[in-house]
C-alpha atoms as a PDB file:
ATOM      1  CA  MET A   1     -70.778 121.579 -20.693  1.00  0.00           C
ATOM      2  CA  LYS A   2     -69.095 123.351 -17.773  1.00  0.00           C
ATOM      3  CA  ASP A   3     -71.094 124.972 -14.982  1.00  0.00           C
ATOM      4  CA  GLN A   4     -69.995 128.512 -15.837  1.00  0.00           C
ATOM      5  CA  ASN A   5     -71.121 128.065 -19.441  1.00  0.00           C
ATOM      6  CA  LEU A   6     -74.532 126.891 -18.261  1.00  0.00           C
ATOM      7  CA  ILE A   7     -74.878 129.854 -15.923  1.00  0.00           C
ATOM      8  CA  ASP A   8     -73.926 132.268 -18.702  1.00  0.00           C
ATOM      9  CA  LEU A   9     -76.547 130.733 -21.012  1.00  0.00           C
ATOM     10  CA  PHE A  10     -79.241 131.071 -18.355  1.00  0.00           C
ATOM     11  CA  LEU A  11     -78.338 134.669 -17.497  1.00  0.00           C
ATOM     12  CA  GLU A  12     -78.289 135.600 -21.176  1.00  0.00           C
ATOM     13  CA  MET A  13     -81.822 134.218 -21.465  1.00  0.00           C
ATOM     14  CA  ILE A  14     -83.254 136.182 -18.534  1.00  0.00           C
ATOM     15  CA  LEU A  15     -81.516 139.328 -19.756  1.00  0.00           C
ATOM     16  CA  THR A  16     -82.810 139.135 -23.324  1.00  0.00           C
ATOM     17  CA  GLU A  17     -86.204 137.469 -22.848  1.00  0.00           C
ATOM     18  CA  ARG A  18     -87.257 138.835 -19.471  1.00  0.00           C
ATOM     19  CA  ALA A  19     -85.420 142.161 -19.500  1.00  0.00           C
ATOM     20  CA  ALA A  20     -84.075 141.367 -16.027  1.00  0.00           C
ATOM     21  CA  SER A  21     -82.185 144.106 -14.190  1.00  0.00           C
ATOM     22  CA  LEU A  22     -78.443 143.884 -13.586  1.00  0.00           C
ATOM     23  CA  ASN A  23     -79.145 143.444  -9.868  1.00  0.00           C
ATOM     24  CA  THR A  24     -81.365 140.431 -10.598  1.00  0.00           C
ATOM     25  CA  ILE A  25     -78.765 138.904 -12.903  1.00  0.00           C
ATOM     26  CA  GLU A  26     -76.003 139.277 -10.321  1.00  0.00           C
ATOM     27  CA  SER A  27     -78.259 137.813  -7.637  1.00  0.00           C
ATOM     28  CA  TYR A  28     -79.000 134.760  -9.790  1.00  0.00           C
ATOM     29  CA  ARG A  29     -75.316 134.341 -10.561  1.00  0.00           C
ATOM     30  CA  ARG A  30     -74.422 134.374  -6.869  1.00  0.00           C
ATOM     31  CA  ASP A  31     -77.171 131.886  -5.996  1.00  0.00           C
ATOM     32  CA  LEU A  32     -76.071 129.407  -8.658  1.00  0.00           C
ATOM     33  CA  GLU A  33     -72.392 129.732  -7.803  1.00  0.00           C
ATOM     34  CA  GLN A  34     -73.156 129.217  -4.095  1.00  0.00           C
ATOM     35  CA  PHE A  35     -75.029 126.023  -4.929  1.00  0.00           C
ATOM     36  CA  ILE A  36     -72.064 124.754  -6.949  1.00  0.00           C
ATOM     37  CA  VAL A  37     -69.711 125.364  -4.019  1.00  0.00           C
ATOM     38  CA  ALA A  38     -72.056 123.689  -1.517  1.00  0.00           C
ATOM     39  CA  ALA A  39     -73.127 120.720  -3.653  1.00  0.00           C
ATOM     40  CA  PRO A  40     -70.991 117.564  -3.876  1.00  0.00           C
ATOM     41  CA  LYS A  41     -68.547 117.581  -6.752  1.00  0.00           C
ATOM     42  CA  LEU A  42     -70.208 114.940  -8.883  1.00  0.00           C
ATOM     43  CA  SER A  43     -68.141 115.625 -11.996  1.00  0.00           C
ATOM     44  CA  SER A  44     -66.845 118.557 -14.009  1.00  0.00           C
ATOM     45  CA  SER A  45     -70.406 119.916 -13.981  1.00  0.00           C
ATOM     46  CA  VAL A  46     -72.418 119.937 -10.738  1.00  0.00           C
ATOM     47  CA  LEU A  47     -75.372 121.562 -12.474  1.00  0.00           C
ATOM     48  CA  LEU A  48     -75.627 118.826 -15.103  1.00  0.00           C
ATOM     49  CA  ASN A  49     -75.505 116.002 -12.583  1.00  0.00           C
ATOM     50  CA  ALA A  50     -77.191 117.328  -9.427  1.00  0.00           C
ATOM     51  CA  ASN A  51     -80.289 115.350  -8.406  1.00  0.00           C
ATOM     52  CA  ARG A  52     -83.272 116.042  -6.168  1.00  0.00           C
ATOM     53  CA  ASP A  53     -81.491 114.739  -3.070  1.00  0.00           C
ATOM     54  CA  ASP A  54     -78.641 117.181  -3.714  1.00  0.00           C
ATOM     55  CA  LEU A  55     -81.134 120.029  -3.785  1.00  0.00           C
ATOM     56  CA  ARG A  56     -82.792 118.855  -0.561  1.00  0.00           C
ATOM     57  CA  LYS A  57     -79.407 118.556   1.159  1.00  0.00           C
ATOM     58  CA  TYR A  58     -78.546 122.069  -0.017  1.00  0.00           C
ATOM     59  CA  LEU A  59     -81.762 123.465   1.500  1.00  0.00           C
ATOM     60  CA  SER A  60     -81.028 121.640   4.752  1.00  0.00           C
ATOM     61  CA  LEU A  61     -77.528 123.102   4.759  1.00  0.00           C
ATOM     62  CA  LEU A  62     -78.919 126.610   4.334  1.00  0.00           C
ATOM     63  CA  GLU A  63     -81.266 126.068   7.294  1.00  0.00           C
ATOM     64  CA  LYS A  64     -78.442 124.613   9.401  1.00  0.00           C
ATOM     65  CA  ASN A  65     -76.287 127.661   8.644  1.00  0.00           C
ATOM     66  CA  GLY A  66     -78.990 130.029   9.848  1.00  0.00           C
ATOM     67  CA  PHE A  67     -80.354 131.338   6.559  1.00  0.00           C
ATOM     68  CA  ALA A  68     -83.882 132.755   6.817  1.00  0.00           C
ATOM     69  CA  ALA A  69     -86.645 130.728   5.191  1.00  0.00           C
ATOM     70  CA  THR A  70     -87.305 133.633   2.805  1.00  0.00           C
ATOM     71  CA  THR A  71     -83.665 133.574   1.659  1.00  0.00           C
ATOM     72  CA  SER A  72     -83.738 129.803   1.137  1.00  0.00           C
ATOM     73  CA  ALA A  73     -86.992 130.117  -0.809  1.00  0.00           C
ATOM     74  CA  ARG A  74     -85.453 132.770  -3.052  1.00  0.00           C
ATOM     75  CA  LYS A  75     -82.401 130.619  -3.746  1.00  0.00           C
ATOM     76  CA  LEU A  76     -84.643 127.642  -4.527  1.00  0.00           C
ATOM     77  CA  SER A  77     -86.678 129.812  -6.910  1.00  0.00           C
ATOM     78  CA  CYS A  78     -83.483 130.623  -8.792  1.00  0.00           C
ATOM     79  CA  LEU A  79     -82.556 126.936  -9.024  1.00  0.00           C
ATOM     80  CA  ARG A  80     -86.053 126.043 -10.219  1.00  0.00           C
ATOM     81  CA  GLN A  81     -85.882 128.592 -13.014  1.00  0.00           C
ATOM     82  CA  PHE A  82     -82.400 127.457 -13.976  1.00  0.00           C
ATOM     83  CA  PHE A  83     -83.198 123.734 -14.152  1.00  0.00           C
ATOM     84  CA  LYS A  84     -86.460 124.424 -15.969  1.00  0.00           C
ATOM     85  CA  PHE A  85     -84.437 126.361 -18.551  1.00  0.00           C
ATOM     86  CA  ILE A  86     -81.754 123.740 -19.193  1.00  0.00           C
ATOM     87  CA  TYR A  87     -84.396 120.990 -19.265  1.00  0.00           C
ATOM     88  CA  GLY A  88     -86.427 122.964 -21.784  1.00  0.00           C
ATOM     89  CA  GLU A  89     -83.327 123.493 -23.888  1.00  0.00           C
ATOM     90  CA  GLY A  90     -82.642 119.754 -23.941  1.00  0.00           C
ATOM     91  CA  ILE A  91     -79.370 120.150 -22.047  1.00  0.00           C
ATOM     92  CA  ARG A  92     -80.688 117.885 -19.278  1.00  0.00           C
ATOM     93  CA  LYS A  93     -83.133 115.011 -19.676  1.00  0.00           C
ATOM     94  CA  ASP A  94     -84.778 115.678 -16.315  1.00  0.00           C
ATOM     95  CA  ASN A  95     -85.629 118.561 -13.977  1.00  0.00           C
ATOM     96  CA  PRO A  96     -84.444 117.777 -10.413  1.00  0.00           C
ATOM     97  CA  ALA A  97     -86.195 120.866  -8.983  1.00  0.00           C
ATOM     98  CA  LEU A  98     -89.641 119.811 -10.198  1.00  0.00           C
ATOM     99  CA  ASP A  99     -92.225 119.610  -7.368  1.00  0.00           C
ATOM    100  CA  LEU A 100     -89.601 120.320  -4.729  1.00  0.00           C
ATOM    101  CA  ASP A 101     -91.235 121.820  -1.612  1.00  0.00           C
ATOM    102  CA  SER A 102     -90.320 125.378  -0.699  1.00  0.00           C
ATOM    103  CA  PRO A 103     -89.303 126.345   2.839  1.00  0.00           C
ATOM    104  CA  GLN A 104     -92.260 127.628   4.856  1.00  0.00           C
ATOM    105  CA  THR A 105     -91.803 131.374   4.960  1.00  0.00           C
ATOM    106  CA  GLY A 106     -94.925 133.027   6.320  1.00  0.00           C
ATOM    107  CA  ARG A 107     -95.553 136.625   5.342  1.00  0.00           C
ATOM    108  CA  SER A 108     -93.931 139.145   7.644  1.00  0.00           C
ATOM    109  CA  LEU A 109     -95.073 142.721   7.900  1.00  0.00           C
ATOM    110  CA  PRO A 110     -92.617 145.410   6.805  1.00  0.00           C
ATOM    111  CA  LYS A 111     -90.672 147.388   9.384  1.00  0.00           C
ATOM    112  CA  LEU A 112     -92.427 150.668  10.082  1.00  0.00           C
ATOM    113  CA  LEU A 113     -91.395 154.229  10.801  1.00  0.00           C
ATOM    114  CA  SER A 114     -93.893 156.656  12.272  1.00  0.00           C
ATOM    115  CA  GLU A 115     -94.670 159.923  10.498  1.00  0.00           C
ATOM    116  CA  GLU A 116     -92.925 161.693  13.384  1.00  0.00           C
ATOM    117  CA  GLN A 117     -89.744 159.650  12.862  1.00  0.00           C
ATOM    118  CA  VAL A 118     -89.683 160.387   9.134  1.00  0.00           C
ATOM    119  CA  SER A 119     -90.313 164.068   9.817  1.00  0.00           C
ATOM    120  CA  ALA A 120     -87.371 164.128  12.239  1.00  0.00           C
ATOM    121  CA  LEU A 121     -85.173 162.360   9.679  1.00  0.00           C
ATOM    122  CA  LEU A 122     -86.083 164.831   6.927  1.00  0.00           C
ATOM    123  CA  SER A 123     -85.555 167.809   9.236  1.00  0.00           C
ATOM    124  CA  GLN A 124     -82.135 166.538  10.264  1.00  0.00           C
ATOM    125  CA  ALA A 125     -81.119 165.982   6.636  1.00  0.00           C
ATOM    126  CA  LYS A 126     -82.238 169.479   5.635  1.00  0.00           C
ATOM    127  CA  GLN A 127     -80.607 171.142   8.625  1.00  0.00           C
ATOM    128  CA  GLN A 128     -77.349 169.311   7.965  1.00  0.00           C
ATOM    129  CA  ALA A 129     -77.414 170.305   4.289  1.00  0.00           C
ATOM    130  CA  LYS A 130     -78.163 173.961   5.053  1.00  0.00           C
ATOM    131  CA  SER A 131     -75.537 174.259   7.784  1.00  0.00           C
ATOM    132  CA  THR A 132     -72.611 172.641   5.968  1.00  0.00           C
ATOM    133  CA  GLU A 133     -73.549 173.255   2.312  1.00  0.00           C
ATOM    134  CA  HIS A 134     -71.281 170.278   1.599  1.00  0.00           C
ATOM    135  CA  ILE A 135     -72.226 168.367  -1.524  1.00  0.00           C
ATOM    136  CA  ASN A 136     -72.521 165.043   0.323  1.00  0.00           C
ATOM    137  CA  ASP A 137     -74.967 166.484   2.872  1.00  0.00           C
ATOM    138  CA  VAL A 138     -77.024 168.257   0.205  1.00  0.00           C
ATOM    139  CA  ARG A 139     -77.078 165.048  -1.854  1.00  0.00           C
ATOM    140  CA  LEU A 140     -78.290 163.004   1.134  1.00  0.00           C
ATOM    141  CA  TRP A 141     -81.081 165.499   1.770  1.00  0.00           C
ATOM    142  CA  ALA A 142     -82.184 165.303  -1.873  1.00  0.00           C
ATOM    143  CA  LEU A 143     -82.058 161.493  -1.815  1.00  0.00           C
ATOM    144  CA  ILE A 144     -84.207 161.180   1.312  1.00  0.00           C
ATOM    145  CA  GLU A 145     -86.754 163.769   0.159  1.00  0.00           C
ATOM    146  CA  LEU A 146     -87.054 161.984  -3.185  1.00  0.00           C
ATOM    147  CA  LEU A 147     -87.352 158.529  -1.650  1.00  0.00           C
ATOM    148  CA  TYR A 148     -90.067 159.481   0.828  1.00  0.00           C
ATOM    149  CA  ALA A 149     -91.941 161.524  -1.802  1.00  0.00           C
ATOM    150  CA  THR A 150     -91.942 158.777  -4.444  1.00  0.00           C
ATOM    151  CA  GLY A 151     -91.460 155.365  -2.813  1.00  0.00           C
ATOM    152  CA  LEU A 152     -88.885 154.420  -5.447  1.00  0.00           C
ATOM    153  CA  ARG A 153     -86.874 151.229  -5.110  1.00  0.00           C
ATOM    154  CA  VAL A 154     -83.376 152.145  -3.941  1.00  0.00           C
ATOM    155  CA  SER A 155     -81.847 150.841  -7.191  1.00  0.00           C
ATOM    156  CA  GLU A 156     -84.235 153.095  -9.141  1.00  0.00           C
ATOM    157  CA  LEU A 157     -83.410 156.085  -6.952  1.00  0.00           C
ATOM    158  CA  VAL A 158     -79.602 156.001  -7.089  1.00  0.00           C
ATOM    159  CA  SER A 159     -79.610 155.352 -10.853  1.00  0.00           C
ATOM    160  CA  LEU A 160     -81.989 158.167 -11.823  1.00  0.00           C
ATOM    161  CA  PRO A 161     -80.791 159.874 -15.020  1.00  0.00           C
ATOM    162  CA  LYS A 162     -80.549 163.666 -14.937  1.00  0.00           C
ATOM    163  CA  ALA A 163     -82.762 163.817 -17.978  1.00  0.00           C
ATOM    164  CA  VAL A 164     -85.897 162.770 -16.050  1.00  0.00           C
ATOM    165  CA  PHE A 165     -85.956 166.204 -14.401  1.00  0.00           C
ATOM    166  CA  ASN A 166     -85.443 168.220 -17.571  1.00  0.00           C
ATOM    167  CA  SER A 167     -89.139 168.887 -18.155  1.00  0.00           C
ATOM    168  CA  GLY A 168     -89.571 170.825 -14.911  1.00  0.00           C
ATOM    169  CA  GLU A 169     -92.902 169.049 -14.360  1.00  0.00           C
ATOM    170  CA  PRO A 170     -94.015 167.857 -10.891  1.00  0.00           C
ATOM    171  CA  TYR A 171     -93.602 164.243 -11.910  1.00  0.00           C
ATOM    172  CA  ILE A 172     -90.999 161.915 -13.414  1.00  0.00           C
ATOM    173  CA  TYR A 173     -91.045 158.777 -15.519  1.00  0.00           C
ATOM    174  CA  VAL A 174     -89.215 155.891 -13.858  1.00  0.00           C
ATOM    175  CA  ARG A 175     -88.046 152.737 -15.591  1.00  0.00           C
ATOM    176  CA  GLY A 176     -88.384 149.901 -13.092  1.00  0.00           C
ATOM    177  CA  LYS A 177     -88.381 146.100 -13.044  1.00  0.00           C
ATOM    178  CA  GLY A 178     -88.746 144.453 -16.425  1.00  0.00           C
ATOM    179  CA  GLU A 179     -87.977 147.810 -18.066  1.00  0.00           C
ATOM    180  CA  LYS A 180     -91.557 148.895 -17.327  1.00  0.00           C
ATOM    181  CA  GLU A 181     -92.029 152.645 -17.199  1.00  0.00           C
ATOM    182  CA  ARG A 182     -94.338 154.357 -14.701  1.00  0.00           C
ATOM    183  CA  LEU A 183     -95.339 157.919 -13.863  1.00  0.00           C
ATOM    184  CA  VAL A 184     -94.414 159.061 -10.344  1.00  0.00           C
ATOM    185  CA  PRO A 185     -95.594 162.424  -8.934  1.00  0.00           C
ATOM    186  CA  LEU A 186     -93.191 164.652  -7.005  1.00  0.00           C
ATOM    187  CA  SER A 187     -93.758 166.914  -4.026  1.00  0.00           C
ATOM    188  CA  GLU A 188     -92.680 170.553  -3.936  1.00  0.00           C
ATOM    189  CA  ARG A 189     -90.248 169.671  -1.146  1.00  0.00           C
ATOM    190  CA  ALA A 190     -88.579 166.967  -3.223  1.00  0.00           C
ATOM    191  CA  LEU A 191     -88.319 169.223  -6.277  1.00  0.00           C
ATOM    192  CA  GLN A 192     -86.799 171.996  -4.185  1.00  0.00           C
ATOM    193  CA  ALA A 193     -84.226 169.678  -2.618  1.00  0.00           C
ATOM    194  CA  VAL A 194     -83.221 168.278  -6.028  1.00  0.00           C
ATOM    195  CA  GLN A 195     -82.883 171.771  -7.499  1.00  0.00           C
ATOM    196  CA  ILE A 196     -80.679 172.975  -4.646  1.00  0.00           C
ATOM    197  CA  TYR A 197     -78.597 169.814  -4.927  1.00  0.00           C
ATOM    198  CA  ALA A 198     -78.210 170.277  -8.709  1.00  0.00           C
ATOM    199  CA  ASN A 199     -77.066 173.888  -8.202  1.00  0.00           C
ATOM    200  CA  VAL A 200     -74.473 172.872  -5.605  1.00  0.00           C
ATOM    201  CA  MET A 201     -73.300 169.972  -7.768  1.00  0.00           C
ATOM    202  CA  MET A 202     -72.434 172.318 -10.630  1.00  0.00           C
ATOM    203  CA  GLN A 203     -70.029 174.149  -8.339  1.00  0.00           C
ATOM    204  CA  VAL A 204     -68.093 171.092  -7.124  1.00  0.00           C
ATOM    205  CA  LYS A 205     -64.498 171.266  -8.304  1.00  0.00           C
ATOM    206  CA  ASP A 206     -61.715 168.698  -8.316  1.00  0.00           C
ATOM    207  CA  SER A 207     -58.127 169.285  -7.214  1.00  0.00           C
ATOM    208  CA  THR A 208     -57.272 170.943 -10.539  1.00  0.00           C
ATOM    209  CA  GLY A 209     -60.116 173.439 -10.270  1.00  0.00           C
ATOM    210  CA  LYS A 210     -62.231 171.773 -12.951  1.00  0.00           C
ATOM    211  CA  LEU A 211     -65.811 170.686 -12.395  1.00  0.00           C
ATOM    212  CA  LYS A 212     -65.677 167.257 -10.763  1.00  0.00           C
ATOM    213  CA  TYR A 213     -68.923 166.192 -12.385  1.00  0.00           C
ATOM    214  CA  PRO A 214     -69.400 168.270 -15.576  1.00  0.00           C
ATOM    215  CA  GLY A 215     -73.115 168.264 -16.351  1.00  0.00           C
ATOM    216  CA  LYS A 216     -72.781 167.623 -20.080  1.00  0.00           C
ATOM    217  CA  HIS A 217     -70.580 164.573 -19.464  1.00  0.00           C
ATOM    218  CA  GLN A 218     -72.652 162.969 -16.742  1.00  0.00           C
ATOM    219  CA  LYS A 219     -75.761 160.872 -17.255  1.00  0.00           C
ATOM    220  CA  TRP A 220     -76.705 160.319 -13.616  1.00  0.00           C
ATOM    221  CA  LEU A 221     -78.437 162.600 -11.147  1.00  0.00           C
ATOM    222  CA  PHE A 222     -76.266 161.174  -8.346  1.00  0.00           C
ATOM    223  CA  PRO A 223     -72.930 160.545 -10.087  1.00  0.00           C
ATOM    224  CA  SER A 224     -69.954 158.753  -8.650  1.00  0.00           C
ATOM    225  CA  ARG A 225     -66.474 157.944  -9.847  1.00  0.00           C
ATOM    226  CA  GLY A 226     -67.086 154.294  -8.999  1.00  0.00           C
ATOM    227  CA  LYS A 227     -67.629 151.426 -11.404  1.00  0.00           C
ATOM    228  CA  LEU A 228     -71.368 152.013 -11.833  1.00  0.00           C
ATOM    229  CA  GLY A 229     -70.991 155.716 -12.518  1.00  0.00           C
ATOM    230  CA  HIS A 230     -73.602 156.563  -9.880  1.00  0.00           C
ATOM    231  CA  LEU A 231     -73.953 156.317  -6.107  1.00  0.00           C
ATOM    232  CA  THR A 232     -74.346 152.726  -4.941  1.00  0.00           C
ATOM    233  CA  ARG A 233     -77.360 151.605  -2.960  1.00  0.00           C
ATOM    234  CA  HIS A 234     -75.065 150.206  -0.260  1.00  0.00           C
ATOM    235  CA  ARG A 235     -73.371 153.586   0.262  1.00  0.00           C
ATOM    236  CA  PHE A 236     -76.719 155.349   0.416  1.00  0.00           C
ATOM    237  CA  ALA A 237     -77.971 152.834   2.989  1.00  0.00           C
ATOM    238  CA  GLN A 238     -74.869 153.439   5.093  1.00  0.00           C
ATOM    239  CA  LEU A 239     -75.325 157.237   4.994  1.00  0.00           C
ATOM    240  CA  LEU A 240     -79.020 156.891   5.827  1.00  0.00           C
ATOM    241  CA  LYS A 241     -78.302 154.785   8.914  1.00  0.00           C
ATOM    242  CA  GLU A 242     -75.690 157.304  10.088  1.00  0.00           C
ATOM    243  CA  LEU A 243     -78.197 160.125   9.745  1.00  0.00           C
ATOM    244  CA  GLY A 244     -80.926 158.116  11.472  1.00  0.00           C
ATOM    245  CA  SER A 245     -78.737 157.525  14.511  1.00  0.00           C
ATOM    246  CA  LYS A 246     -78.629 161.310  15.014  1.00  0.00           C
ATOM    247  CA  VAL A 247     -82.400 161.415  15.553  1.00  0.00           C
ATOM    248  CA  GLY A 248     -82.609 158.256  17.632  1.00  0.00           C
ATOM    249  CA  ILE A 249     -83.530 155.716  14.952  1.00  0.00           C
ATOM    250  CA  LEU A 250     -81.651 152.445  15.406  1.00  0.00           C
ATOM    251  CA  PRO A 251     -79.565 151.329  12.379  1.00  0.00           C
ATOM    252  CA  THR A 252     -81.396 147.975  12.408  1.00  0.00           C
ATOM    253  CA  SER A 253     -84.709 149.815  12.029  1.00  0.00           C
ATOM    254  CA  LEU A 254     -83.732 151.989   9.080  1.00  0.00           C
ATOM    255  CA  SER A 255     -82.887 151.309   5.446  1.00  0.00           C
ATOM    256  CA  PRO A 256     -83.919 152.713   2.058  1.00  0.00           C
ATOM    257  CA  HIS A 257     -86.482 149.923   1.812  1.00  0.00           C
ATOM    258  CA  VAL A 258     -87.974 150.894   5.191  1.00  0.00           C
ATOM    259  CA  LEU A 259     -88.460 154.433   3.873  1.00  0.00           C
ATOM    260  CA  ARG A 260     -90.214 152.961   0.823  1.00  0.00           C
ATOM    261  CA  HIS A 261     -92.491 151.105   3.245  1.00  0.00           C
ATOM    262  CA  ALA A 262     -93.096 154.355   5.133  1.00  0.00           C
ATOM    263  CA  PHE A 263     -94.130 156.057   1.897  1.00  0.00           C
ATOM    264  CA  ALA A 264     -96.749 153.379   1.229  1.00  0.00           C
ATOM    265  CA  THR A 265     -98.107 152.993   4.759  1.00  0.00           C
ATOM    266  CA  HIS A 266     -98.365 156.715   5.420  1.00  0.00           C
ATOM    267  CA  LEU A 267    -100.215 157.259   2.138  1.00  0.00           C
ATOM    268  CA  LEU A 268    -102.694 154.499   2.948  1.00  0.00           C
ATOM    269  CA  SER A 269    -103.202 155.619   6.542  1.00  0.00           C
ATOM    270  CA  ASN A 270    -104.106 159.074   5.227  1.00  0.00           C
ATOM    271  CA  GLY A 271    -106.721 157.765   2.815  1.00  0.00           C
ATOM    272  CA  ALA A 272    -104.862 156.931  -0.403  1.00  0.00           C
ATOM    273  CA  ASP A 273    -106.298 154.301  -2.736  1.00  0.00           C
ATOM    274  CA  LEU A 274    -104.510 150.929  -2.730  1.00  0.00           C
ATOM    275  CA  ARG A 275    -104.453 150.798  -6.545  1.00  0.00           C
ATOM    276  CA  ALA A 276    -102.817 154.229  -6.731  1.00  0.00           C
ATOM    277  CA  VAL A 277    -100.131 153.144  -4.267  1.00  0.00           C
ATOM    278  CA  GLN A 278     -99.595 149.966  -6.301  1.00  0.00           C
ATOM    279  CA  LYS A 279     -98.913 152.025  -9.430  1.00  0.00           C
ATOM    280  CA  MET A 280     -96.529 154.395  -7.670  1.00  0.00           C
ATOM    281  CA  LEU A 281     -94.582 151.524  -6.102  1.00  0.00           C
ATOM    282  CA  GLY A 282     -94.346 149.765  -9.458  1.00  0.00           C
ATOM    283  CA  HIS A 283     -95.894 146.503  -8.225  1.00  0.00           C
ATOM    284  CA  ALA A 284     -97.056 144.323 -11.104  1.00  0.00           C
ATOM    285  CA  ASP A 285     -99.552 142.502  -8.879  1.00  0.00           C
ATOM    286  CA  ILE A 286    -101.925 144.087  -6.346  1.00  0.00           C
ATOM    287  CA  SER A 287    -101.258 141.172  -3.984  1.00  0.00           C
ATOM    288  CA  THR A 288     -97.734 142.505  -3.428  1.00  0.00           C
ATOM    289  CA  THR A 289     -99.148 145.853  -2.303  1.00  0.00           C
ATOM    290  CA  GLN A 290    -101.696 144.215  -0.028  1.00  0.00           C
ATOM    291  CA  ILE A 291     -99.043 143.600   2.603  1.00  0.00           C
ATOM    292  CA  TYR A 292     -99.731 147.220   3.576  1.00  0.00           C
ATOM    293  CA  THR A 293    -103.439 146.655   4.172  1.00  0.00           C
ATOM    294  CA  HIS A 294    -102.779 146.138   7.878  1.00  0.00           C
ATOM    295  CA  VAL A 295    -102.688 149.942   7.925  1.00  0.00           C
ATOM    296  CA  LEU A 296    -106.116 150.112   6.292  1.00  0.00           C
ATOM    297  CA  GLU A 297    -107.457 147.528   8.733  1.00  0.00           C
ATOM    298  CA  GLU A 298    -106.398 149.634  11.709  1.00  0.00           C
ATOM    299  CA  ARG A 299    -107.915 152.755  10.131  1.00  0.00           C
ATOM    300  CA  LEU A 300    -111.203 150.953   9.436  1.00  0.00           C
ATOM    301  CA  LYS A 301    -111.370 149.621  12.999  1.00  0.00           C
ATOM    302  CA  SER A 302    -110.824 153.136  14.312  1.00  0.00           C
ATOM    303  CA  LEU A 303    -113.493 154.464  11.949  1.00  0.00           C
ATOM    304  CA  VAL A 304    -116.054 151.887  13.079  1.00  0.00           C
ATOM    305  CA  HIS A 305    -115.353 152.400  16.779  1.00  0.00           C
ATOM    306  CA  GLY A 306    -115.444 156.157  16.415  1.00  0.00           C
ATOM    307  CA  LYS A 307    -118.341 156.636  14.000  1.00  0.00           C
ATOM    308  CA  HIS A 308    -120.722 153.651  14.151  1.00  0.00           C
ATOM    309  CA  PRO A 309    -123.786 154.578  16.241  1.00  0.00           C
ATOM    310  CA  LEU A 310    -124.108 151.105  17.800  1.00  0.00           C
ATOM    311  CA  VAL A 311    -120.503 151.013  19.000  1.00  0.00           C
ATOM    312  CA  LYS A 312    -120.706 154.166  21.077  1.00  0.00           C
END
């Protein structure tokens, strides 16, 4: 069986049985295809004939080429799942990825923005939207307000359907990883920005004078004429970095994911419950959310030093 056929079988499985997102599927496809290119051409099918040494050499090659340990570990995870699948299906008689050691990654803390930096970013976005009234500036303001108010993953944010706002309630239902649905509250600021954006959007005309994005024909809150039908996460990240540079935030320090981190850390530093933050972020496991507990640790230290009678 050819490599591409094996990849297609594997991706079909994770789509149907695990309800994997399109982003996950494309990531797995890239990882497997990169391994095929890097591995020695053993026969018409690298994936059927690759052995444990081939996998080790591939990991060494990734390290030599400067890939981060976290990236190598993710690629190895994909290969493990793939070989486990084709072994379980009886396509291979062995699993070359079994018991293969992962690169040592260590757990890094997320990049942080201060509350003052986020406030400056939001103010700049709002000012820009109010002064130009251009749809792109109003859209960016709505995107940033929504992201900081909800902590959505960027893929969830840019692909929000219009219908989630139809109820007029101060919350939305978001379908995240594994097609799991969660309730996410909204702030008044975010609702206001979205409403203003929606009003401006209905006035956008194309060169013929017709509505560029007719509401009844568009599913997405942030539509685009591109392949996906909605704004891409890469374009949003680019616009966010450009805006950040106007308030002195370095492009390397700012991304949609950094704003998601800011949402979580600022909630925790102001007394939010870790379990509540876990639910809003859509983390299946509390251990994923615990990366933010460094914020709680600092707050507890401050509390002890400031309030404990024996410390004074």
